[in-house]
Amino acid sequence: MKLRNYLGADMTREYTTKLLDAIEEGLLSPQAVVEMALTYMSESDVEDMMRVNDLLYYLDAEDEDSEWDGQPDEAQEWYDFDPDC
């Protein structure tokens, strides 16, 4: 499966598609692209990306040596419901 299939039918993402194609063709390594993206993004952007993709919960559970059930904790549920509360 091509990586760009994750974008669905949205072909308006010209540069994203080019980058994913370059990875698929072996012109760029996924590791290099991840490092470039993370270096380019602000710390806040990285945190937001991790939150949106539920990575914060998973990695926090790993740190606590507990098993992650894939569900947000109560504080995160409230934050997602109303970030200003």
PDB file of N, CA and C in Angstrom:
ATOM      1  N   MET A   1       0.846  -1.186   0.000  1.00  0.00           N
ATOM      2  CA  MET A   1       0.000   0.000   0.000  1.00  0.00           C
ATOM      3  C   MET A   1       0.883   1.239   0.000  1.00  0.00           C
ATOM      4  N   LYS A   2       0.580   2.137  -0.889  1.00  0.00           N
ATOM      5  CA  LYS A   2       1.351   3.366  -0.953  1.00  0.00           C
ATOM      6  C   LYS A   2       1.013   4.256   0.229  1.00  0.00           C
ATOM      7  N   LEU A   3       2.020   4.963   0.718  1.00  0.00           N
ATOM      8  CA  LEU A   3       1.810   5.846   1.858  1.00  0.00           C
ATOM      9  C   LEU A   3       0.771   6.918   1.563  1.00  0.00           C
ATOM     10  N   ARG A   4       0.736   7.390   0.345  1.00  0.00           N
ATOM     11  CA  ARG A   4      -0.198   8.480   0.040  1.00  0.00           C
ATOM     12  C   ARG A   4      -1.647   8.032   0.060  1.00  0.00           C
ATOM     13  N   ASN A   5      -1.909   6.726   0.085  1.00  0.00           N
ATOM     14  CA  ASN A   5      -3.286   6.258   0.200  1.00  0.00           C
ATOM     15  C   ASN A   5      -3.928   6.729   1.495  1.00  0.00           C
ATOM     16  N   TYR A   6      -3.100   7.020   2.497  1.00  0.00           N
ATOM     17  CA  TYR A   6      -3.622   7.516   3.770  1.00  0.00           C
ATOM     18  C   TYR A   6      -4.237   8.903   3.608  1.00  0.00           C
ATOM     19  N   LEU A   7      -3.872   9.604   2.548  1.00  0.00           N
ATOM     20  CA  LEU A   7      -4.431  10.930   2.305  1.00  0.00           C
ATOM     21  C   LEU A   7      -5.818  10.851   1.692  1.00  0.00           C
ATOM     22  N   GLY A   8      -6.226   9.689   1.282  1.00  0.00           N
ATOM     23  CA  GLY A   8      -7.518   9.535   0.642  1.00  0.00           C
ATOM     24  C   GLY A   8      -7.475  10.104  -0.764  1.00  0.00           C
ATOM     25  N   ALA A   9      -8.574  10.662  -1.182  1.00  0.00           N
ATOM     26  CA  ALA A   9      -8.669  11.192  -2.539  1.00  0.00           C
ATOM     27  C   ALA A   9      -8.165  12.616  -2.633  1.00  0.00           C
ATOM     28  N   ASP A  10      -7.641  13.161  -1.559  1.00  0.00           N
ATOM     29  CA  ASP A  10      -7.199  14.558  -1.526  1.00  0.00           C
ATOM     30  C   ASP A  10      -5.883  14.718  -2.276  1.00  0.00           C
ATOM     31  N   MET A  11      -5.964  14.982  -3.555  1.00  0.00           N
ATOM     32  CA  MET A  11      -4.760  15.150  -4.361  1.00  0.00           C
ATOM     33  C   MET A  11      -4.315  16.615  -4.400  1.00  0.00           C
ATOM     34  N   THR A  12      -4.953  17.466  -3.611  1.00  0.00           N
ATOM     35  CA  THR A  12      -4.545  18.866  -3.566  1.00  0.00           C
ATOM     36  C   THR A  12      -3.288  19.043  -2.732  1.00  0.00           C
ATOM     37  N   ARG A  13      -2.848  18.000  -2.040  1.00  0.00           N
ATOM     38  CA  ARG A  13      -1.656  18.056  -1.198  1.00  0.00           C
ATOM     39  C   ARG A  13      -0.453  17.691  -2.051  1.00  0.00           C
ATOM     40  N   GLU A  14      -0.137  18.580  -2.979  1.00  0.00           N
ATOM     41  CA  GLU A  14       0.903  18.330  -3.978  1.00  0.00           C
ATOM     42  C   GLU A  14       2.254  17.971  -3.357  1.00  0.00           C
ATOM     43  N   TYR A  15       2.716  18.769  -2.402  1.00  0.00           N
ATOM     44  CA  TYR A  15       4.040  18.544  -1.846  1.00  0.00           C
ATOM     45  C   TYR A  15       4.072  17.349  -0.900  1.00  0.00           C
ATOM     46  N   THR A  16       2.989  17.129  -0.200  1.00  0.00           N
ATOM     47  CA  THR A  16       2.901  15.942   0.650  1.00  0.00           C
ATOM     48  C   THR A  16       2.981  14.693  -0.219  1.00  0.00           C
ATOM     49  N   THR A  17       2.252  14.698  -1.314  1.00  0.00           N
ATOM     50  CA  THR A  17       2.260  13.567  -2.234  1.00  0.00           C
ATOM     51  C   THR A  17       3.653  13.354  -2.823  1.00  0.00           C
ATOM     52  N   LYS A  18       4.325  14.441  -3.214  1.00  0.00           N
ATOM     53  CA  LYS A  18       5.685  14.318  -3.758  1.00  0.00           C
ATOM     54  C   LYS A  18       6.634  13.707  -2.730  1.00  0.00           C
ATOM     55  N   LEU A  19       6.536  14.159  -1.504  1.00  0.00           N
ATOM     56  CA  LEU A  19       7.410  13.662  -0.449  1.00  0.00           C
ATOM     57  C   LEU A  19       7.141  12.180  -0.170  1.00  0.00           C
ATOM     58  N   LEU A  20       5.869  11.813  -0.071  1.00  0.00           N
ATOM     59  CA  LEU A  20       5.527  10.415   0.154  1.00  0.00           C
ATOM     60  C   LEU A  20       5.963   9.531  -1.014  1.00  0.00           C
ATOM     61  N   ASP A  21       5.840  10.035  -2.225  1.00  0.00           N
ATOM     62  CA  ASP A  21       6.302   9.279  -3.392  1.00  0.00           C
ATOM     63  C   ASP A  21       7.814   9.077  -3.349  1.00  0.00           C
ATOM     64  N   ALA A  22       8.557  10.106  -2.939  1.00  0.00           N
ATOM     65  CA  ALA A  22      10.012   9.992  -2.851  1.00  0.00           C
ATOM     66  C   ALA A  22      10.411   8.940  -1.816  1.00  0.00           C
ATOM     67  N   ILE A  23       9.655   8.848  -0.725  1.00  0.00           N
ATOM     68  CA  ILE A  23       9.912   7.820   0.287  1.00  0.00           C
ATOM     69  C   ILE A  23       9.606   6.448  -0.308  1.00  0.00           C
ATOM     70  N   GLU A  24       8.464   6.313  -0.964  1.00  0.00           N
ATOM     71  CA  GLU A  24       8.063   5.039  -1.575  1.00  0.00           C
ATOM     72  C   GLU A  24       9.097   4.560  -2.596  1.00  0.00           C
ATOM     73  N   GLU A  25       9.668   5.500  -3.351  1.00  0.00           N
ATOM     74  CA  GLU A  25      10.633   5.157  -4.396  1.00  0.00           C
ATOM     75  C   GLU A  25      12.031   4.925  -3.836  1.00  0.00           C
ATOM     76  N   GLY A  26      12.199   5.125  -2.530  1.00  0.00           N
ATOM     77  CA  GLY A  26      13.501   4.895  -1.919  1.00  0.00           C
ATOM     78  C   GLY A  26      14.479   6.043  -2.077  1.00  0.00           C
ATOM     79  N   LEU A  27      13.990   7.195  -2.547  1.00  0.00           N
ATOM     80  CA  LEU A  27      14.862   8.359  -2.719  1.00  0.00           C
ATOM     81  C   LEU A  27      15.174   9.027  -1.382  1.00  0.00           C
ATOM     82  N   LEU A  28      14.258   8.910  -0.437  1.00  0.00           N
ATOM     83  CA  LEU A  28      14.437   9.452   0.912  1.00  0.00           C
ATOM     84  C   LEU A  28      14.061   8.370   1.913  1.00  0.00           C
ATOM     85  N   SER A  29      14.782   8.340   3.021  1.00  0.00           N
ATOM     86  CA  SER A  29      14.419   7.373   4.055  1.00  0.00           C
ATOM     87  C   SER A  29      13.331   7.982   4.950  1.00  0.00           C
ATOM     88  N   PRO A  30      12.427   7.158   5.439  1.00  0.00           N
ATOM     89  CA  PRO A  30      11.402   7.670   6.363  1.00  0.00           C
ATOM     90  C   PRO A  30      12.037   8.330   7.584  1.00  0.00           C
ATOM     91  N   GLN A  31      13.146   7.760   8.084  1.00  0.00           N
ATOM     92  CA  GLN A  31      13.835   8.322   9.248  1.00  0.00           C
ATOM     93  C   GLN A  31      14.307   9.746   8.966  1.00  0.00           C
ATOM     94  N   ALA A  32      14.885   9.969   7.784  1.00  0.00           N
ATOM     95  CA  ALA A  32      15.379  11.304   7.428  1.00  0.00           C
ATOM     96  C   ALA A  32      14.233  12.306   7.356  1.00  0.00           C
ATOM     97  N   VAL A  33      13.116  11.889   6.775  1.00  0.00           N
ATOM     98  CA  VAL A  33      11.964  12.781   6.636  1.00  0.00           C
ATOM     99  C   VAL A  33      11.381  13.119   8.006  1.00  0.00           C
ATOM    100  N   VAL A  34      11.302  12.125   8.886  1.00  0.00           N
ATOM    101  CA  VAL A  34      10.803  12.373  10.242  1.00  0.00           C
ATOM    102  C   VAL A  34      11.707  13.372  10.957  1.00  0.00           C
ATOM    103  N   GLU A  35      13.011  13.177  10.858  1.00  0.00           N
ATOM    104  CA  GLU A  35      13.947  14.092  11.514  1.00  0.00           C
ATOM    105  C   GLU A  35      13.833  15.504  10.955  1.00  0.00           C
ATOM    106  N   MET A  36      13.682  15.626   9.637  1.00  0.00           N
ATOM    107  CA  MET A  36      13.520  16.954   9.025  1.00  0.00           C
ATOM    108  C   MET A  36      12.238  17.626   9.518  1.00  0.00           C
ATOM    109  N   ALA A  37      11.149  16.863   9.526  1.00  0.00           N
ATOM    110  CA  ALA A  37       9.858  17.429   9.934  1.00  0.00           C
ATOM    111  C   ALA A  37       9.894  17.859  11.396  1.00  0.00           C
ATOM    112  N   LEU A  38      10.442  17.004  12.266  1.00  0.00           N
ATOM    113  CA  LEU A  38      10.471  17.327  13.689  1.00  0.00           C
ATOM    114  C   LEU A  38      11.399  18.499  13.985  1.00  0.00           C
ATOM    115  N   THR A  39      12.468  18.620  13.230  1.00  0.00           N
ATOM    116  CA  THR A  39      13.378  19.755  13.407  1.00  0.00           C
ATOM    117  C   THR A  39      12.712  21.053  12.959  1.00  0.00           C
ATOM    118  N   TYR A  40      11.917  20.963  11.903  1.00  0.00           N
ATOM    119  CA  TYR A  40      11.240  22.134  11.354  1.00  0.00           C
ATOM    120  C   TYR A  40      10.099  22.608  12.258  1.00  0.00           C
ATOM    121  N   MET A  41       9.382  21.652  12.858  1.00  0.00           N
ATOM    122  CA  MET A  41       8.209  21.974  13.672  1.00  0.00           C
ATOM    123  C   MET A  41       8.614  22.559  15.019  1.00  0.00           C
ATOM    124  N   SER A  42       7.756  23.422  15.551  1.00  0.00           N
ATOM    125  CA  SER A  42       7.973  23.933  16.901  1.00  0.00           C
ATOM    126  C   SER A  42       7.638  22.824  17.896  1.00  0.00           C
ATOM    127  N   GLU A  43       8.089  22.996  19.131  1.00  0.00           N
ATOM    128  CA  GLU A  43       7.784  22.017  20.179  1.00  0.00           C
ATOM    129  C   GLU A  43       6.266  21.901  20.380  1.00  0.00           C
ATOM    130  N   SER A  44       5.589  23.036  20.267  1.00  0.00           N
ATOM    131  CA  SER A  44       4.132  23.049  20.392  1.00  0.00           C
ATOM    132  C   SER A  44       3.480  22.260  19.256  1.00  0.00           C
ATOM    133  N   ASP A  45       4.006  22.395  18.031  1.00  0.00           N
ATOM    134  CA  ASP A  45       3.485  21.634  16.894  1.00  0.00           C
ATOM    135  C   ASP A  45       3.674  20.136  17.104  1.00  0.00           C
ATOM    136  N   VAL A  46       4.847  19.755  17.610  1.00  0.00           N
ATOM    137  CA  VAL A  46       5.130  18.342  17.856  1.00  0.00           C
ATOM    138  C   VAL A  46       4.167  17.807  18.916  1.00  0.00           C
ATOM    139  N   GLU A  47       3.986  18.563  19.995  1.00  0.00           N
ATOM    140  CA  GLU A  47       3.057  18.134  21.045  1.00  0.00           C
ATOM    141  C   GLU A  47       1.649  17.974  20.489  1.00  0.00           C
ATOM    142  N   ASP A  48       1.209  18.936  19.679  1.00  0.00           N
ATOM    143  CA  ASP A  48      -0.134  18.874  19.098  1.00  0.00           C
ATOM    144  C   ASP A  48      -0.273  17.658  18.185  1.00  0.00           C
ATOM    145  N   MET A  49       0.731  17.385  17.368  1.00  0.00           N
ATOM    146  CA  MET A  49       0.698  16.234  16.482  1.00  0.00           C
ATOM    147  C   MET A  49       0.620  14.942  17.298  1.00  0.00           C
ATOM    148  N   MET A  50       1.386  14.892  18.390  1.00  0.00           N
ATOM    149  CA  MET A  50       1.358  13.714  19.250  1.00  0.00           C
ATOM    150  C   MET A  50      -0.006  13.550  19.916  1.00  0.00           C
ATOM    151  N   ARG A  51      -0.601  14.663  20.339  1.00  0.00           N
ATOM    152  CA  ARG A  51      -1.912  14.615  21.000  1.00  0.00           C
ATOM    153  C   ARG A  51      -2.987  14.154  20.014  1.00  0.00           C
ATOM    154  N   VAL A  52      -3.000  14.722  18.824  1.00  0.00           N
ATOM    155  CA  VAL A  52      -4.008  14.388  17.819  1.00  0.00           C
ATOM    156  C   VAL A  52      -3.939  12.910  17.434  1.00  0.00           C
ATOM    157  N   ASN A  53      -2.737  12.356  17.435  1.00  0.00           N
ATOM    158  CA  ASN A  53      -2.553  10.958  17.043  1.00  0.00           C
ATOM    159  C   ASN A  53      -2.456  10.010  18.235  1.00  0.00           C
ATOM    160  N   ASP A  54      -2.854  10.486  19.397  1.00  0.00           N
ATOM    161  CA  ASP A  54      -2.873   9.685  20.630  1.00  0.00           C
ATOM    162  C   ASP A  54      -1.516   9.117  21.018  1.00  0.00           C
ATOM    163  N   LEU A  55      -0.454   9.759  20.603  1.00  0.00           N
ATOM    164  CA  LEU A  55       0.883   9.287  20.960  1.00  0.00           C
ATOM    165  C   LEU A  55       1.276   9.686  22.373  1.00  0.00           C
ATOM    166  N   LEU A  56       0.769  10.812  22.861  1.00  0.00           N
ATOM    167  CA  LEU A  56       1.102  11.240  24.217  1.00  0.00           C
ATOM    168  C   LEU A  56       0.647  10.202  25.229  1.00  0.00           C
ATOM    169  N   TYR A  57      -0.552   9.702  25.066  1.00  0.00           N
ATOM    170  CA  TYR A  57      -1.089   8.714  25.997  1.00  0.00           C
ATOM    171  C   TYR A  57      -0.251   7.445  25.974  1.00  0.00           C
ATOM    172  N   TYR A  58       0.071   7.007  24.771  1.00  0.00           N
ATOM    173  CA  TYR A  58       0.835   5.775  24.621  1.00  0.00           C
ATOM    174  C   TYR A  58       2.217   5.916  25.256  1.00  0.00           C
ATOM    175  N   LEU A  59       2.904   7.014  24.954  1.00  0.00           N
ATOM    176  CA  LEU A  59       4.259   7.196  25.474  1.00  0.00           C
ATOM    177  C   LEU A  59       4.253   7.458  26.973  1.00  0.00           C
ATOM    178  N   ASP A  60       3.244   8.169  27.476  1.00  0.00           N
ATOM    179  CA  ASP A  60       3.143   8.376  28.923  1.00  0.00           C
ATOM    180  C   ASP A  60       2.936   7.056  29.640  1.00  0.00           C
ATOM    181  N   ALA A  61       2.135   6.187  29.066  1.00  0.00           N
ATOM    182  CA  ALA A  61       1.896   4.876  29.670  1.00  0.00           C
ATOM    183  C   ALA A  61       3.174   4.045  29.662  1.00  0.00           C
ATOM    184  N   GLU A  62       3.951   4.168  28.614  1.00  0.00           N
ATOM    185  CA  GLU A  62       5.231   3.447  28.533  1.00  0.00           C
ATOM    186  C   GLU A  62       6.160   3.914  29.647  1.00  0.00           C
ATOM    187  N   ASP A  63       6.185   5.235  29.886  1.00  0.00           N
ATOM    188  CA  ASP A  63       7.051   5.790  30.926  1.00  0.00           C
ATOM    189  C   ASP A  63       6.646   5.304  32.310  1.00  0.00           C
ATOM    190  N   GLU A  64       5.358   5.119  32.513  1.00  0.00           N
ATOM    191  CA  GLU A  64       4.850   4.724  33.827  1.00  0.00           C
ATOM    192  C   GLU A  64       4.873   3.212  34.025  1.00  0.00           C
ATOM    193  N   ASP A  65       5.374   2.492  33.018  1.00  0.00           N
ATOM    194  CA  ASP A  65       5.442   1.034  33.101  1.00  0.00           C
ATOM    195  C   ASP A  65       4.070   0.410  33.304  1.00  0.00           C
ATOM    196  N   SER A  66       3.048   1.066  32.782  1.00  0.00           N
ATOM    197  CA  SER A  66       1.707   0.512  32.871  1.00  0.00           C
ATOM    198  C   SER A  66       1.211   0.224  31.460  1.00  0.00           C
ATOM    199  N   GLU A  67       0.134  -0.485  31.380  1.00  0.00           N
ATOM    200  CA  GLU A  67      -0.396  -0.831  30.081  1.00  0.00           C
ATOM    201  C   GLU A  67      -1.378   0.234  29.625  1.00  0.00           C
ATOM    202  N   TRP A  68      -1.195   0.720  28.419  1.00  0.00           N
ATOM    203  CA  TRP A  68      -2.053   1.754  27.861  1.00  0.00           C
ATOM    204  C   TRP A  68      -3.276   1.102  27.258  1.00  0.00           C
ATOM    205  N   ASP A  69      -4.458   1.588  27.626  1.00  0.00           N
ATOM    206  CA  ASP A  69      -5.686   0.995  27.100  1.00  0.00           C
ATOM    207  C   ASP A  69      -6.219   1.743  25.886  1.00  0.00           C
ATOM    208  N   GLY A  70      -5.495   2.756  25.432  1.00  0.00           N
ATOM    209  CA  GLY A  70      -5.923   3.503  24.255  1.00  0.00           C
ATOM    210  C   GLY A  70      -6.937   4.583  24.548  1.00  0.00           C
ATOM    211  N   GLN A  71      -7.293   4.747  25.808  1.00  0.00           N
ATOM    212  CA  GLN A  71      -8.300   5.725  26.193  1.00  0.00           C
ATOM    213  C   GLN A  71      -7.650   6.907  26.901  1.00  0.00           C
ATOM    214  N   PRO A  72      -8.122   8.119  26.618  1.00  0.00           N
ATOM    215  CA  PRO A  72      -7.580   9.288  27.312  1.00  0.00           C
ATOM    216  C   PRO A  72      -7.984   9.286  28.786  1.00  0.00           C
ATOM    217  N   ASP A  73      -7.170   9.936  29.601  1.00  0.00           N
ATOM    218  CA  ASP A  73      -7.544  10.067  31.005  1.00  0.00           C
ATOM    219  C   ASP A  73      -8.591  11.169  31.139  1.00  0.00           C
ATOM    220  N   GLU A  74      -9.119  11.350  32.325  1.00  0.00           N
ATOM    221  CA  GLU A  74     -10.196  12.313  32.533  1.00  0.00           C
ATOM    222  C   GLU A  74      -9.761  13.739  32.187  1.00  0.00           C
ATOM    223  N   ALA A  75      -8.548  14.109  32.586  1.00  0.00           N
ATOM    224  CA  ALA A  75      -8.058  15.461  32.294  1.00  0.00           C
ATOM    225  C   ALA A  75      -7.986  15.703  30.789  1.00  0.00           C
ATOM    226  N   GLN A  76      -7.526  14.708  30.035  1.00  0.00           N
ATOM    227  CA  GLN A  76      -7.444  14.871  28.585  1.00  0.00           C
ATOM    228  C   GLN A  76      -8.821  14.948  27.959  1.00  0.00           C
ATOM    229  N   GLU A  77      -9.767  14.191  28.467  1.00  0.00           N
ATOM    230  CA  GLU A  77     -11.125  14.269  27.942  1.00  0.00           C
ATOM    231  C   GLU A  77     -11.700  15.665  28.125  1.00  0.00           C
ATOM    232  N   TRP A  78     -11.492  16.267  29.300  1.00  0.00           N
ATOM    233  CA  TRP A  78     -11.964  17.627  29.540  1.00  0.00           C
ATOM    234  C   TRP A  78     -11.244  18.613  28.643  1.00  0.00           C
ATOM    235  N   TYR A  79      -9.929  18.433  28.462  1.00  0.00           N
ATOM    236  CA  TYR A  79      -9.162  19.330  27.591  1.00  0.00           C
ATOM    237  C   TYR A  79      -9.695  19.245  26.167  1.00  0.00           C
ATOM    238  N   ASP A  80      -9.951  18.027  25.685  1.00  0.00           N
ATOM    239  CA  ASP A  80     -10.476  17.849  24.332  1.00  0.00           C
ATOM    240  C   ASP A  80     -11.863  18.451  24.188  1.00  0.00           C
ATOM    241  N   PHE A  81     -12.658  18.387  25.266  1.00  0.00           N
ATOM    242  CA  PHE A  81     -14.007  18.935  25.261  1.00  0.00           C
ATOM    243  C   PHE A  81     -13.966  20.469  25.276  1.00  0.00           C
ATOM    244  N   ASP A  82     -13.121  21.039  26.134  1.00  0.00           N
ATOM    245  CA  ASP A  82     -13.022  22.487  26.266  1.00  0.00           C
ATOM    246  C   ASP A  82     -11.604  22.852  26.728  1.00  0.00           C
ATOM    247  N   PRO A  83     -10.705  23.201  25.785  1.00  0.00           N
ATOM    248  CA  PRO A  83      -9.315  23.501  26.143  1.00  0.00           C
ATOM    249  C   PRO A  83      -9.169  24.663  27.136  1.00  0.00           C
ATOM    250  N   ASP A  84     -10.195  25.518  27.237  1.00  0.00           N
ATOM    251  CA  ASP A  84     -10.106  26.682  28.133  1.00  0.00           C
ATOM    252  C   ASP A  84     -10.560  26.383  29.554  1.00  0.00           C
ATOM    253  N   CYS A  85     -11.086  25.168  29.791  1.00  0.00           N
ATOM    254  CA  CYS A  85     -11.605  24.910  31.138  1.00  0.00           C
ATOM    255  C   CYS A  85     -10.512  24.507  32.102  1.00  0.00           C
TER     256      CYS A  85
END
